[in-house]
PDB file of N, CA and C in Angstrom:
ATOM      1  N   UNK A   1     -18.429  -5.162  22.929  1.00  0.00           N
ATOM      2  CA  UNK A   1     -19.583  -6.612  23.793  1.00  0.00           C
ATOM      3  C   UNK A   1     -18.955  -7.864  22.590  1.00  0.00           C
ATOM      4  N   UNK A   2     -18.506  -8.522  24.004  1.00  0.00           N
ATOM      5  CA  UNK A   2     -17.606 -10.014  23.415  1.00  0.00           C
ATOM      6  C   UNK A   2     -18.814 -11.383  23.226  1.00  0.00           C
ATOM      7  N   UNK A   3     -18.684 -11.733  22.610  1.00  0.00           N
ATOM      8  CA  UNK A   3     -19.404 -13.335  22.138  1.00  0.00           C
ATOM      9  C   UNK A   3     -19.033 -14.082  23.376  1.00  0.00           C
ATOM     10  N   UNK A   4     -17.716 -14.053  22.996  1.00  0.00           N
ATOM     11  CA  UNK A   4     -16.658 -15.022  23.478  1.00  0.00           C
ATOM     12  C   UNK A   4     -15.511 -14.501  24.328  1.00  0.00           C
ATOM     13  N   UNK A   5     -15.111 -14.928  25.101  1.00  0.00           N
ATOM     14  CA  UNK A   5     -14.062 -14.719  26.184  1.00  0.00           C
ATOM     15  C   UNK A   5     -13.174 -15.858  26.605  1.00  0.00           C
ATOM     16  N   UNK A   6     -11.925 -15.441  26.379  1.00  0.00           N
ATOM     17  CA  UNK A   6     -11.119 -16.805  26.925  1.00  0.00           C
ATOM     18  C   UNK A   6     -10.290 -16.068  28.361  1.00  0.00           C
ATOM     19  N   UNK A   7     -10.000 -16.911  28.955  1.00  0.00           N
ATOM     20  CA  UNK A   7      -9.237 -16.445  30.407  1.00  0.00           C
ATOM     21  C   UNK A   7      -7.702 -16.734  29.726  1.00  0.00           C
ATOM     22  N   UNK A   8      -6.470 -16.343  30.194  1.00  0.00           N
ATOM     23  CA  UNK A   8      -5.368 -16.428  29.994  1.00  0.00           C
ATOM     24  C   UNK A   8      -4.343 -16.855  31.508  1.00  0.00           C
ATOM     25  N   UNK A   9      -4.360 -18.346  31.958  1.00  0.00           N
ATOM     26  CA  UNK A   9      -3.992 -18.171  33.551  1.00  0.00           C
ATOM     27  C   UNK A   9      -2.494 -18.418  33.233  1.00  0.00           C
ATOM     28  N   UNK A  10      -2.068 -17.879  34.301  1.00  0.00           N
ATOM     29  CA  UNK A  10      -0.634 -18.265  34.463  1.00  0.00           C
ATOM     30  C   UNK A  10      -0.019 -19.453  34.454  1.00  0.00           C
ATOM     31  N   UNK A  11      -0.987 -20.046  35.026  1.00  0.00           N
ATOM     32  CA  UNK A  11       0.047 -21.504  35.503  1.00  0.00           C
ATOM     33  C   UNK A  11       0.200 -22.115  33.836  1.00  0.00           C
ATOM     34  N   UNK A  12      -0.986 -21.998  32.716  1.00  0.00           N
ATOM     35  CA  UNK A  12      -0.505 -22.312  31.286  1.00  0.00           C
ATOM     36  C   UNK A  12       0.305 -21.730  30.692  1.00  0.00           C
ATOM     37  N   UNK A  13       0.323 -20.054  31.041  1.00  0.00           N
ATOM     38  CA  UNK A  13       1.040 -19.276  30.169  1.00  0.00           C
ATOM     39  C   UNK A  13       2.620 -19.397  30.806  1.00  0.00           C
ATOM     40  N   UNK A  14       2.743 -20.052  31.908  1.00  0.00           N
ATOM     41  CA  UNK A  14       4.469 -19.658  32.376  1.00  0.00           C
ATOM     42  C   UNK A  14       4.876 -21.238  31.776  1.00  0.00           C
ATOM     43  N   UNK A  15       4.464 -22.556  31.182  1.00  0.00           N
ATOM     44  CA  UNK A  15       5.223 -23.560  30.543  1.00  0.00           C
ATOM     45  C   UNK A  15       5.747 -22.989  29.760  1.00  0.00           C
ATOM     46  N   UNK A  16       6.526 -24.249  28.964  1.00  0.00           N
ATOM     47  CA  UNK A  16       7.546 -23.815  27.871  1.00  0.00           C
ATOM     48  C   UNK A  16       6.808 -23.567  27.278  1.00  0.00           C
ATOM     49  N   UNK A  17       5.542 -24.479  26.432  1.00  0.00           N
ATOM     50  CA  UNK A  17       5.124 -24.117  25.197  1.00  0.00           C
ATOM     51  C   UNK A  17       4.277 -22.927  25.186  1.00  0.00           C
ATOM     52  N   UNK A  18       3.990 -22.448  26.493  1.00  0.00           N
ATOM     53  CA  UNK A  18       2.880 -21.833  26.420  1.00  0.00           C
ATOM     54  C   UNK A  18       1.705 -21.811  26.825  1.00  0.00           C
ATOM     55  N   UNK A  19       0.534 -21.045  26.012  1.00  0.00           N
ATOM     56  CA  UNK A  19      -0.817 -21.083  25.815  1.00  0.00           C
ATOM     57  C   UNK A  19      -1.077 -21.178  24.532  1.00  0.00           C
ATOM     58  N   UNK A  20      -2.224 -21.984  23.940  1.00  0.00           N
ATOM     59  CA  UNK A  20      -2.185 -22.008  22.481  1.00  0.00           C
ATOM     60  C   UNK A  20      -3.782 -21.873  22.631  1.00  0.00           C
ATOM     61  N   UNK A  21      -4.136 -20.352  22.185  1.00  0.00           N
ATOM     62  CA  UNK A  21      -5.801 -20.569  21.910  1.00  0.00           C
ATOM     63  C   UNK A  21      -6.356 -19.921  20.297  1.00  0.00           C
ATOM     64  N   UNK A  22      -7.278 -21.110  20.032  1.00  0.00           N
ATOM     65  CA  UNK A  22      -8.014 -20.940  18.916  1.00  0.00           C
ATOM     66  C   UNK A  22      -9.270 -20.809  18.624  1.00  0.00           C
ATOM     67  N   UNK A  23      -9.692 -20.132  17.668  1.00  0.00           N
ATOM     68  CA  UNK A  23     -10.950 -19.974  17.476  1.00  0.00           C
ATOM     69  C   UNK A  23     -11.223 -19.764  16.087  1.00  0.00           C
ATOM     70  N   UNK A  24     -12.564 -20.582  16.218  1.00  0.00           N
ATOM     71  CA  UNK A  24     -13.349 -20.706  14.503  1.00  0.00           C
ATOM     72  C   UNK A  24     -14.301 -19.708  14.518  1.00  0.00           C
ATOM     73  N   UNK A  25     -14.760 -18.928  13.806  1.00  0.00           N
ATOM     74  CA  UNK A  25     -15.523 -17.589  13.514  1.00  0.00           C
ATOM     75  C   UNK A  25     -15.971 -18.101  12.082  1.00  0.00           C
ATOM     76  N   UNK A  26     -17.161 -18.466  12.073  1.00  0.00           N
ATOM     77  CA  UNK A  26     -18.247 -18.353  10.853  1.00  0.00           C
ATOM     78  C   UNK A  26     -18.937 -17.290  10.905  1.00  0.00           C
ATOM     79  N   UNK A  27     -19.154 -16.892   9.560  1.00  0.00           N
ATOM     80  CA  UNK A  27     -19.712 -15.531   9.129  1.00  0.00           C
ATOM     81  C   UNK A  27     -21.107 -16.529   8.219  1.00  0.00           C
ATOM     82  N   UNK A  28     -22.304 -15.630   8.706  1.00  0.00           N
ATOM     83  CA  UNK A  28     -23.414 -15.945   8.383  1.00  0.00           C
ATOM     84  C   UNK A  28     -24.053 -15.387   6.777  1.00  0.00           C
ATOM     85  N   UNK A  29     -24.161 -14.124   6.396  1.00  0.00           N
ATOM     86  CA  UNK A  29     -24.675 -13.528   5.453  1.00  0.00           C
ATOM     87  C   UNK A  29     -23.486 -12.935   4.750  1.00  0.00           C
ATOM     88  N   UNK A  30     -23.179 -11.609   5.093  1.00  0.00           N
ATOM     89  CA  UNK A  30     -21.613 -11.095   4.781  1.00  0.00           C
ATOM     90  C   UNK A  30     -20.711 -10.793   5.389  1.00  0.00           C
ATOM     91  N   UNK A  31     -19.199 -10.478   4.691  1.00  0.00           N
ATOM     92  CA  UNK A  31     -18.285 -10.495   5.223  1.00  0.00           C
ATOM     93  C   UNK A  31     -18.381  -9.555   6.649  1.00  0.00           C
ATOM     94  N   UNK A  32     -17.614 -10.015   7.638  1.00  0.00           N
ATOM     95  CA  UNK A  32     -17.554  -8.966   8.890  1.00  0.00           C
ATOM     96  C   UNK A  32     -16.057  -8.380   9.267  1.00  0.00           C
ATOM     97  N   UNK A  33     -15.909  -7.481   9.940  1.00  0.00           N
ATOM     98  CA  UNK A  33     -14.629  -7.132  10.037  1.00  0.00           C
ATOM     99  C   UNK A  33     -14.024  -7.216  11.615  1.00  0.00           C
ATOM    100  N   UNK A  34     -13.074  -8.026  12.318  1.00  0.00           N
ATOM    101  CA  UNK A  34     -12.992  -8.545  13.477  1.00  0.00           C
ATOM    102  C   UNK A  34     -11.973  -8.167  13.627  1.00  0.00           C
ATOM    103  N   UNK A  35     -11.650  -8.009  15.324  1.00  0.00           N
ATOM    104  CA  UNK A  35     -10.462  -7.568  15.761  1.00  0.00           C
ATOM    105  C   UNK A  35     -10.134  -8.039  17.251  1.00  0.00           C
ATOM    106  N   UNK A  36      -8.978  -8.351  17.553  1.00  0.00           N
ATOM    107  CA  UNK A  36      -8.614  -8.515  18.886  1.00  0.00           C
ATOM    108  C   UNK A  36      -8.506  -7.728  20.259  1.00  0.00           C
ATOM    109  N   UNK A  37      -8.847  -7.663  21.442  1.00  0.00           N
ATOM    110  CA  UNK A  37      -8.194  -6.874  22.154  1.00  0.00           C
ATOM    111  C   UNK A  37      -8.104  -7.959  23.447  1.00  0.00           C
ATOM    112  N   UNK A  38      -6.827  -7.363  23.895  1.00  0.00           N
ATOM    113  CA  UNK A  38      -6.417  -7.966  25.069  1.00  0.00           C
ATOM    114  C   UNK A  38      -6.176  -6.712  25.980  1.00  0.00           C
ATOM    115  N   UNK A  39      -6.349  -7.259  27.400  1.00  0.00           N
ATOM    116  CA  UNK A  39      -5.844  -5.892  28.389  1.00  0.00           C
ATOM    117  C   UNK A  39      -5.670  -7.094  29.931  1.00  0.00           C
ATOM    118  N   UNK A  40      -5.443  -6.226  30.878  1.00  0.00           N
ATOM    119  CA  UNK A  40      -4.729  -6.559  31.431  1.00  0.00           C
ATOM    120  C   UNK A  40      -5.695  -6.362  33.149  1.00  0.00           C
ATOM    121  N   UNK A  41      -6.795  -7.040  33.434  1.00  0.00           N
ATOM    122  CA  UNK A  41      -7.530  -6.016  34.434  1.00  0.00           C
ATOM    123  C   UNK A  41      -7.087  -6.340  35.828  1.00  0.00           C
ATOM    124  N   UNK A  42      -5.836  -7.213  36.196  1.00  0.00           N
ATOM    125  CA  UNK A  42      -5.432  -7.020  37.178  1.00  0.00           C
ATOM    126  C   UNK A  42      -4.921  -5.822  37.760  1.00  0.00           C
ATOM    127  N   UNK A  43      -5.225  -5.469  39.121  1.00  0.00           N
ATOM    128  CA  UNK A  43      -4.525  -4.685  39.605  1.00  0.00           C
ATOM    129  C   UNK A  43      -3.091  -4.183  39.455  1.00  0.00           C
ATOM    130  N   UNK A  44      -2.465  -3.054  39.355  1.00  0.00           N
ATOM    131  CA  UNK A  44      -0.894  -3.095  39.530  1.00  0.00           C
ATOM    132  C   UNK A  44      -0.383  -3.084  40.980  1.00  0.00           C
ATOM    133  N   UNK A  45      -0.956  -3.236  41.676  1.00  0.00           N
ATOM    134  CA  UNK A  45      -0.271  -3.572  42.797  1.00  0.00           C
ATOM    135  C   UNK A  45      -0.148  -5.081  43.150  1.00  0.00           C
ATOM    136  N   UNK A  46      -0.775  -6.178  42.575  1.00  0.00           N
ATOM    137  CA  UNK A  46      -0.891  -7.199  42.744  1.00  0.00           C
ATOM    138  C   UNK A  46       0.079  -7.982  42.740  1.00  0.00           C
ATOM    139  N   UNK A  47       0.529  -9.280  43.711  1.00  0.00           N
ATOM    140  CA  UNK A  47       1.450  -9.915  43.740  1.00  0.00           C
ATOM    141  C   UNK A  47       1.300 -11.096  42.937  1.00  0.00           C
ATOM    142  N   UNK A  48       2.584 -10.939  41.743  1.00  0.00           N
ATOM    143  CA  UNK A  48       2.522 -12.111  40.658  1.00  0.00           C
ATOM    144  C   UNK A  48       3.335 -12.948  40.996  1.00  0.00           C
ATOM    145  N   UNK A  49       3.607 -14.280  40.694  1.00  0.00           N
ATOM    146  CA  UNK A  49       4.541 -15.375  40.824  1.00  0.00           C
ATOM    147  C   UNK A  49       6.283 -14.320  40.377  1.00  0.00           C
ATOM    148  N   UNK A  50       6.650 -14.366  41.765  1.00  0.00           N
ATOM    149  CA  UNK A  50       8.578 -14.041  41.798  1.00  0.00           C
ATOM    150  C   UNK A  50       7.952 -12.398  41.779  1.00  0.00           C
ATOM    151  N   UNK A  51       7.065 -12.241  42.025  1.00  0.00           N
ATOM    152  CA  UNK A  51       6.815 -10.491  41.732  1.00  0.00           C
ATOM    153  C   UNK A  51       7.633 -10.004  40.308  1.00  0.00           C
ATOM    154  N   UNK A  52       7.686 -10.830  39.744  1.00  0.00           N
ATOM    155  CA  UNK A  52       8.442 -10.565  38.209  1.00  0.00           C
ATOM    156  C   UNK A  52       7.353 -10.072  37.081  1.00  0.00           C
ATOM    157  N   UNK A  53       8.394  -8.643  36.099  1.00  0.00           N
ATOM    158  CA  UNK A  53       7.396  -8.594  35.096  1.00  0.00           C
ATOM    159  C   UNK A  53       6.824  -9.554  33.969  1.00  0.00           C
ATOM    160  N   UNK A  54       5.552  -9.232  33.510  1.00  0.00           N
ATOM    161  CA  UNK A  54       5.398 -10.264  32.989  1.00  0.00           C
ATOM    162  C   UNK A  54       5.908 -10.276  31.313  1.00  0.00           C
ATOM    163  N   UNK A  55       6.302 -10.897  30.541  1.00  0.00           N
ATOM    164  CA  UNK A  55       6.738 -10.739  29.084  1.00  0.00           C
ATOM    165  C   UNK A  55       5.955 -11.594  28.189  1.00  0.00           C
ATOM    166  N   UNK A  56       5.020 -11.041  27.442  1.00  0.00           N
ATOM    167  CA  UNK A  56       4.433 -11.256  26.591  1.00  0.00           C
ATOM    168  C   UNK A  56       4.487 -11.672  25.409  1.00  0.00           C
ATOM    169  N   UNK A  57       4.631 -12.402  24.268  1.00  0.00           N
ATOM    170  CA  UNK A  57       4.966 -12.709  23.006  1.00  0.00           C
ATOM    171  C   UNK A  57       4.133 -13.704  22.881  1.00  0.00           C
ATOM    172  N   UNK A  58       3.324 -12.711  21.689  1.00  0.00           N
ATOM    173  CA  UNK A  58       1.530 -13.430  21.096  1.00  0.00           C
ATOM    174  C   UNK A  58       1.825 -13.185  19.411  1.00  0.00           C
ATOM    175  N   UNK A  59       1.347 -14.051  19.045  1.00  0.00           N
ATOM    176  CA  UNK A  59       1.352 -13.851  17.207  1.00  0.00           C
ATOM    177  C   UNK A  59      -0.335 -14.207  16.974  1.00  0.00           C
ATOM    178  N   UNK A  60      -1.017 -13.533  16.028  1.00  0.00           N
ATOM    179  CA  UNK A  60      -2.378 -13.239  15.606  1.00  0.00           C
ATOM    180  C   UNK A  60      -2.235 -13.389  14.445  1.00  0.00           C
ATOM    181  N   UNK A  61      -3.309 -14.641  13.913  1.00  0.00           N
ATOM    182  CA  UNK A  61      -3.461 -14.533  12.469  1.00  0.00           C
ATOM    183  C   UNK A  61      -4.763 -15.190  11.844  1.00  0.00           C
ATOM    184  N   UNK A  62      -5.117 -14.348  11.168  1.00  0.00           N
ATOM    185  CA  UNK A  62      -6.354 -14.210  10.189  1.00  0.00           C
ATOM    186  C   UNK A  62      -5.901 -14.848   9.166  1.00  0.00           C
ATOM    187  N   UNK A  63      -7.249 -15.713   8.815  1.00  0.00           N
ATOM    188  CA  UNK A  63      -7.310 -15.984   7.558  1.00  0.00           C
ATOM    189  C   UNK A  63      -9.053 -16.393   7.163  1.00  0.00           C
ATOM    190  N   UNK A  64      -9.128 -15.961   5.656  1.00  0.00           N
ATOM    191  CA  UNK A  64     -10.724 -16.358   5.606  1.00  0.00           C
ATOM    192  C   UNK A  64     -10.843 -17.771   4.686  1.00  0.00           C
ATOM    193  N   UNK A  65     -10.894 -18.781   5.442  1.00  0.00           N
ATOM    194  CA  UNK A  65     -11.018 -20.112   4.521  1.00  0.00           C
ATOM    195  C   UNK A  65     -11.652 -20.441   3.589  1.00  0.00           C
ATOM    196  N   UNK A  66     -13.006 -19.628   3.339  1.00  0.00           N
ATOM    197  CA  UNK A  66     -13.673 -19.676   2.122  1.00  0.00           C
ATOM    198  C   UNK A  66     -13.020 -18.724   1.347  1.00  0.00           C
ATOM    199  N   UNK A  67     -11.912 -18.409   0.441  1.00  0.00           N
ATOM    200  CA  UNK A  67     -11.772 -17.290  -0.382  1.00  0.00           C
ATOM    201  C   UNK A  67     -10.143 -18.292  -0.920  1.00  0.00           C
ATOM    202  N   UNK A  68     -10.420 -19.118  -0.809  1.00  0.00           N
ATOM    203  CA  UNK A  68      -9.146 -20.089  -1.156  1.00  0.00           C
ATOM    204  C   UNK A  68      -8.027 -19.619  -1.319  1.00  0.00           C
ATOM    205  N   UNK A  69      -7.391 -19.260  -2.410  1.00  0.00           N
ATOM    206  CA  UNK A  69      -5.730 -19.164  -2.668  1.00  0.00           C
ATOM    207  C   UNK A  69      -5.934 -17.665  -1.843  1.00  0.00           C
ATOM    208  N   UNK A  70      -6.701 -16.452  -1.846  1.00  0.00           N
ATOM    209  CA  UNK A  70      -6.890 -15.649  -1.563  1.00  0.00           C
ATOM    210  C   UNK A  70      -7.644 -15.155   0.450  1.00  0.00           C
ATOM    211  N   UNK A  71      -6.702 -16.345   1.089  1.00  0.00           N
ATOM    212  CA  UNK A  71      -7.133 -16.450   2.228  1.00  0.00           C
ATOM    213  C   UNK A  71      -6.871 -15.416   3.242  1.00  0.00           C
ATOM    214  N   UNK A  72      -5.272 -14.857   3.081  1.00  0.00           N
ATOM    215  CA  UNK A  72      -5.108 -14.199   3.919  1.00  0.00           C
ATOM    216  C   UNK A  72      -5.321 -13.014   3.481  1.00  0.00           C
ATOM    217  N   UNK A  73      -6.014 -12.333   2.632  1.00  0.00           N
ATOM    218  CA  UNK A  73      -6.290 -11.330   2.415  1.00  0.00           C
ATOM    219  C   UNK A  73      -7.647 -10.716   3.224  1.00  0.00           C
ATOM    220  N   UNK A  74      -8.046  -9.638   3.570  1.00  0.00           N
ATOM    221  CA  UNK A  74      -9.202  -9.419   4.228  1.00  0.00           C
ATOM    222  C   UNK A  74     -10.345  -9.330   3.381  1.00  0.00           C
ATOM    223  N   UNK A  75     -11.676  -9.249   3.461  1.00  0.00           N
ATOM    224  CA  UNK A  75     -12.671  -9.163   2.634  1.00  0.00           C
ATOM    225  C   UNK A  75     -12.766  -7.639   1.701  1.00  0.00           C
ATOM    226  N   UNK A  76     -12.151  -6.912   1.930  1.00  0.00           N
ATOM    227  CA  UNK A  76     -11.924  -5.581   1.364  1.00  0.00           C
ATOM    228  C   UNK A  76     -11.203  -5.762   0.573  1.00  0.00           C
ATOM    229  N   UNK A  77      -9.896  -6.557   0.885  1.00  0.00           N
ATOM    230  CA  UNK A  77      -8.495  -6.938  -0.210  1.00  0.00           C
ATOM    231  C   UNK A  77      -8.452  -7.672  -1.100  1.00  0.00           C
ATOM    232  N   UNK A  78      -9.328  -8.292  -1.329  1.00  0.00           N
ATOM    233  CA  UNK A  78      -9.524  -9.823  -1.695  1.00  0.00           C
ATOM    234  C   UNK A  78      -9.642  -9.849  -3.016  1.00  0.00           C
ATOM    235  N   UNK A  79     -10.059  -8.711  -3.908  1.00  0.00           N
ATOM    236  CA  UNK A  79      -9.728  -8.373  -5.007  1.00  0.00           C
ATOM    237  C   UNK A  79      -8.861  -7.399  -5.979  1.00  0.00           C
ATOM    238  N   UNK A  80      -8.344  -7.165  -4.915  1.00  0.00           N
ATOM    239  CA  UNK A  80      -7.258  -6.143  -5.477  1.00  0.00           C
ATOM    240  C   UNK A  80      -6.116  -6.400  -6.498  1.00  0.00           C
ATOM    241  N   UNK A  81      -6.080  -7.728  -6.331  1.00  0.00           N
ATOM    242  CA  UNK A  81      -4.714  -8.387  -7.377  1.00  0.00           C
ATOM    243  C   UNK A  81      -5.329  -8.230  -8.679  1.00  0.00           C
ATOM    244  N   UNK A  82      -6.541  -8.855  -8.613  1.00  0.00           N
ATOM    245  CA  UNK A  82      -7.467  -8.724 -10.242  1.00  0.00           C
ATOM    246  C   UNK A  82      -7.135  -7.069 -10.599  1.00  0.00           C
ATOM    247  N   UNK A  83      -7.106  -6.205  -9.768  1.00  0.00           N
ATOM    248  CA  UNK A  83      -6.765  -4.723 -10.077  1.00  0.00           C
ATOM    249  C   UNK A  83      -5.177  -4.464 -10.711  1.00  0.00           C
ATOM    250  N   UNK A  84      -4.405  -4.896  -9.602  1.00  0.00           N
ATOM    251  CA  UNK A  84      -3.066  -4.464  -9.653  1.00  0.00           C
ATOM    252  C   UNK A  84      -2.542  -5.466 -11.085  1.00  0.00           C
ATOM    253  N   UNK A  85      -2.455  -6.362 -11.276  1.00  0.00           N
ATOM    254  CA  UNK A  85      -1.896  -6.975 -12.388  1.00  0.00           C
ATOM    255  C   UNK A  85      -2.423  -6.212 -13.356  1.00  0.00           C
ATOM    256  N   UNK A  86      -3.087  -6.204 -13.700  1.00  0.00           N
ATOM    257  CA  UNK A  86      -3.593  -4.688 -15.135  1.00  0.00           C
ATOM    258  C   UNK A  86      -2.960  -3.828 -15.430  1.00  0.00           C
ATOM    259  N   UNK A  87      -2.654  -3.004 -13.732  1.00  0.00           N
ATOM    260  CA  UNK A  87      -2.213  -1.890 -13.849  1.00  0.00           C
ATOM    261  C   UNK A  87      -0.567  -1.822 -13.642  1.00  0.00           C
ATOM    262  N   UNK A  88      -0.256  -2.956 -13.285  1.00  0.00           N
ATOM    263  CA  UNK A  88       1.314  -3.015 -13.206  1.00  0.00           C
ATOM    264  C   UNK A  88       1.686  -3.098 -14.960  1.00  0.00           C
ATOM    265  N   UNK A  89       0.602  -4.202 -15.305  1.00  0.00           N
ATOM    266  CA  UNK A  89       1.175  -4.466 -17.000  1.00  0.00           C
ATOM    267  C   UNK A  89       1.130  -3.386 -17.539  1.00  0.00           C
ATOM    268  N   UNK A  90       0.150  -1.989 -17.866  1.00  0.00           N
ATOM    269  CA  UNK A  90      -0.206  -1.143 -18.521  1.00  0.00           C
ATOM    270  C   UNK A  90       1.024  -0.319 -17.862  1.00  0.00           C
ATOM    271  N   UNK A  91       1.124  -0.119 -17.019  1.00  0.00           N
ATOM    272  CA  UNK A  91       2.575   0.517 -16.193  1.00  0.00           C
ATOM    273  C   UNK A  91       3.769   0.202 -17.338  1.00  0.00           C
ATOM    274  N   UNK A  92       3.827  -0.796 -17.374  1.00  0.00           N
ATOM    275  CA  UNK A  92       5.602  -1.569 -17.867  1.00  0.00           C
ATOM    276  C   UNK A  92       5.130  -1.254 -19.396  1.00  0.00           C
ATOM    277  N   UNK A  93       3.877  -1.408 -19.768  1.00  0.00           N
ATOM    278  CA  UNK A  93       4.123  -1.048 -21.356  1.00  0.00           C
ATOM    279  C   UNK A  93       4.125   0.517 -21.461  1.00  0.00           C
ATOM    280  N   UNK A  94       3.355   1.253 -20.439  1.00  0.00           N
ATOM    281  CA  UNK A  94       3.548   2.665 -20.704  1.00  0.00           C
ATOM    282  C   UNK A  94       5.445   3.315 -20.502  1.00  0.00           C
ATOM    283  N   UNK A  95       5.959   2.933 -19.414  1.00  0.00           N
ATOM    284  CA  UNK A  95       7.580   2.980 -18.959  1.00  0.00           C
ATOM    285  C   UNK A  95       8.234   2.484 -20.191  1.00  0.00           C
ATOM    286  N   UNK A  96       7.676   1.432 -20.891  1.00  0.00           N
ATOM    287  CA  UNK A  96       9.025   1.188 -21.931  1.00  0.00           C
ATOM    288  C   UNK A  96       8.224   1.881 -23.446  1.00  0.00           C
ATOM    289  N   UNK A  97       6.873   2.403 -23.432  1.00  0.00           N
ATOM    290  CA  UNK A  97       6.900   3.203 -24.446  1.00  0.00           C
ATOM    291  C   UNK A  97       7.819   4.739 -24.322  1.00  0.00           C
ATOM    292  N   UNK A  98       7.617   5.529 -23.205  1.00  0.00           N
ATOM    293  CA  UNK A  98       7.896   6.460 -22.583  1.00  0.00           C
ATOM    294  C   UNK A  98       9.730   6.280 -23.138  1.00  0.00           C
ATOM    295  N   UNK A  99      10.631   5.028 -22.553  1.00  0.00           N
ATOM    296  CA  UNK A  99      11.831   4.748 -22.956  1.00  0.00           C
ATOM    297  C   UNK A  99      11.762   4.922 -24.272  1.00  0.00           C
ATOM    298  N   UNK A 100      11.252   4.373 -25.252  1.00  0.00           N
ATOM    299  CA  UNK A 100      11.536   4.311 -26.631  1.00  0.00           C
ATOM    300  C   UNK A 100      11.364   5.411 -27.160  1.00  0.00           C
ATOM    301  N   UNK A 101      10.587   6.572 -27.127  1.00  0.00           N
ATOM    302  CA  UNK A 101      10.409   7.492 -27.119  1.00  0.00           C
ATOM    303  C   UNK A 101      11.426   8.840 -26.603  1.00  0.00           C
ATOM    304  N   UNK A 102      11.723   8.284 -25.789  1.00  0.00           N
ATOM    305  CA  UNK A 102      13.068   9.179 -24.947  1.00  0.00           C
ATOM    306  C   UNK A 102      14.222   8.639 -26.138  1.00  0.00           C
ATOM    307  N   UNK A 103      14.459   7.727 -26.718  1.00  0.00           N
ATOM    308  CA  UNK A 103      15.910   7.312 -27.219  1.00  0.00           C
ATOM    309  C   UNK A 103      15.507   8.080 -28.719  1.00  0.00           C
ATOM    310  N   UNK A 104      14.300   7.625 -29.107  1.00  0.00           N
ATOM    311  CA  UNK A 104      13.970   8.373 -30.589  1.00  0.00           C
ATOM    312  C   UNK A 104      14.419   9.944 -30.714  1.00  0.00           C
ATOM    313  N   UNK A 105      13.837  11.010 -29.318  1.00  0.00           N
ATOM    314  CA  UNK A 105      14.097  11.943 -29.367  1.00  0.00           C
ATOM    315  C   UNK A 105      15.671  11.672 -29.132  1.00  0.00           C
ATOM    316  N   UNK A 106      16.267  11.643 -28.194  1.00  0.00           N
ATOM    317  CA  UNK A 106      17.723  11.927 -28.557  1.00  0.00           C
ATOM    318  C   UNK A 106      18.299  11.481 -29.489  1.00  0.00           C
ATOM    319  N   UNK A 107      18.029  10.556 -30.223  1.00  0.00           N
ATOM    320  CA  UNK A 107      18.542   9.808 -31.360  1.00  0.00           C
ATOM    321  C   UNK A 107      18.786  11.408 -32.454  1.00  0.00           C
ATOM    322  N   UNK A 108      17.297  12.368 -32.403  1.00  0.00           N
ATOM    323  CA  UNK A 108      16.727  12.730 -33.440  1.00  0.00           C
ATOM    324  C   UNK A 108      17.815  14.254 -32.963  1.00  0.00           C
ATOM    325  N   UNK A 109      18.232  14.526 -31.962  1.00  0.00           N
ATOM    326  CA  UNK A 109      18.604  15.535 -31.284  1.00  0.00           C
ATOM    327  C   UNK A 109      20.316  15.189 -31.615  1.00  0.00           C
ATOM    328  N   UNK A 110      20.768  13.996 -31.456  1.00  0.00           N
ATOM    329  CA  UNK A 110      22.356  13.668 -31.717  1.00  0.00           C
ATOM    330  C   UNK A 110      22.362  14.654 -33.246  1.00  0.00           C
ATOM    331  N   UNK A 111      21.563  13.558 -34.104  1.00  0.00           N
ATOM    332  CA  UNK A 111      21.249  13.959 -35.928  1.00  0.00           C
ATOM    333  C   UNK A 111      21.576  15.163 -36.507  1.00  0.00           C
ATOM    334  N   UNK A 112      20.607  16.015 -35.444  1.00  0.00           N
ATOM    335  CA  UNK A 112      20.864  17.658 -35.990  1.00  0.00           C
ATOM    336  C   UNK A 112      21.959  18.412 -35.634  1.00  0.00           C
ATOM    337  N   UNK A 113      22.838  17.686 -34.960  1.00  0.00           N
ATOM    338  CA  UNK A 113      23.967  18.853 -34.262  1.00  0.00           C
ATOM    339  C   UNK A 113      24.919  18.377 -35.177  1.00  0.00           C
TER     340      UNK A 113
END
């Protein structure tokens, strides 16, 4: 179910700068998950200008403006940085402790022989 749809016209698309479509979606109560669907409803046998195949190049960029520095993250991922930083720090400490223990065991083994 689409609340908004936009036509892509051949005249605008075939210009060197192409066609630029921008939407601003606002959520009211809770975060939503959004998606984009593109389709060609034209019959396969319909004549196109010059009967050439259409090459489409597109870029889709979603941002959550209200999230500040985390605007590039989706709602379900925006707090993961707060989890990853302490986990990486804990891993670094444990890796350093493991390396130190390995050196200590190797030193004792060489002293025994």
